[in-house]
């Protein structure tokens, strides 16, 4: 009985199926992470573009910063 153990054909097929499913899950997780990062990058880019458009229509970047400075001076 020592060393006489052999895998049944169904066991090999089950192990192969498990390995295949694990690989698919891993690849799917990687793809999902990439999609999340891409979405975050697109949102960030859109926010920067919207802010740039807003500031350019309001007199450039110095206008909001000067208003912020004025507001801070009223606090102190």
Protein backbone atom coordinates (compact mmCIF):
# COMPACT_ATOMS: atom_id res chain seq x y z
CA UNK A 1 0.00 0.00 0.00
CA UNK A 2 2.95 2.31 0.47
CA UNK A 3 3.39 4.36 -2.69
CA UNK A 4 0.57 2.65 -4.59
CA UNK A 5 -1.67 5.72 -4.80
CA UNK A 6 -2.64 6.80 -8.32
CA UNK A 7 -4.88 9.60 -9.46
CA UNK A 8 -8.09 8.63 -11.15
CA UNK A 9 -8.73 10.13 -14.62
CA UNK A 10 -11.68 12.12 -13.26
CA UNK A 11 -9.43 13.61 -10.56
CA UNK A 12 -6.99 14.82 -13.23
CA UNK A 13 -9.83 16.35 -15.21
CA UNK A 14 -11.15 18.06 -12.07
CA UNK A 15 -7.71 19.48 -11.24
CA UNK A 16 -7.34 20.74 -14.81
CA UNK A 17 -10.78 22.40 -14.68
CA UNK A 18 -9.93 24.01 -11.33
CA UNK A 19 -6.64 25.34 -12.70
CA UNK A 20 -8.43 26.73 -15.76
CA UNK A 21 -11.05 28.49 -13.61
CA UNK A 22 -8.36 29.95 -11.34
CA UNK A 23 -6.50 31.35 -14.34
CA UNK A 24 -9.69 32.89 -15.76
CA UNK A 25 -10.51 34.46 -12.40
CA UNK A 26 -7.01 35.90 -12.10
CA UNK A 27 -7.09 37.35 -15.61
CA UNK A 28 -10.56 38.78 -15.01
CA UNK A 29 -9.41 40.43 -11.79
CA UNK A 30 -6.43 42.01 -13.53
CA UNK A 31 -8.64 43.30 -16.33
CA UNK A 32 -11.13 44.72 -13.84
CA UNK A 33 -8.33 46.54 -11.98
CA UNK A 34 -7.09 48.03 -15.24
CA UNK A 35 -10.60 49.22 -16.12
CA UNK A 36 -10.94 50.88 -12.70
CA UNK A 37 -7.58 52.64 -13.12
CA UNK A 38 -8.49 53.74 -16.64
CA UNK A 39 -11.84 55.07 -15.43
CA UNK A 40 -10.12 57.00 -12.62
CA UNK A 41 -7.64 58.48 -15.11
CA UNK A 42 -10.46 59.53 -17.44
CA UNK A 43 -12.39 61.11 -14.55
CA UNK A 44 -9.30 62.99 -13.40
CA UNK A 45 -8.60 64.21 -16.93
CA UNK A 46 -12.21 65.35 -17.30
CA UNK A 47 -12.06 67.20 -13.99
CA UNK A 48 -8.85 68.96 -14.98
CA UNK A 49 -10.36 69.91 -18.34
CA UNK A 50 -13.54 71.22 -16.71
CA UNK A 51 -11.53 73.22 -14.18
CA UNK A 52 -9.32 74.67 -16.92
CA UNK A 53 -12.39 75.69 -18.91
CA UNK A 54 -14.04 77.21 -15.85
CA UNK A 55 -10.94 79.19 -14.89
CA UNK A 56 -10.27 80.40 -18.42
CA UNK A 57 -13.84 81.75 -18.61
CA UNK A 58 -13.43 83.50 -15.25
CA UNK A 59 -10.21 85.36 -16.01
CA UNK A 60 -7.53 82.74 -15.69
CA UNK A 61 -6.10 80.86 -12.76
CA UNK A 62 -5.08 84.01 -10.89
CA UNK A 63 -8.67 85.16 -10.47
CA UNK A 64 -9.78 82.22 -8.27
CA UNK A 65 -6.52 82.34 -6.35
CA UNK A 66 -6.86 86.07 -5.69
CA UNK A 67 -10.45 85.55 -4.51
CA UNK A 68 -9.19 82.80 -2.23
CA UNK A 69 -6.55 85.19 -0.89
CA UNK A 70 -9.19 87.85 -0.28
CA UNK A 71 -11.36 85.34 1.54
CA UNK A 72 -8.45 84.20 3.70
CA UNK A 73 -7.65 87.83 4.59
CA UNK A 74 -11.19 88.33 5.83
CA UNK A 75 -10.72 85.40 8.21
CA UNK A 76 -7.60 86.85 9.78
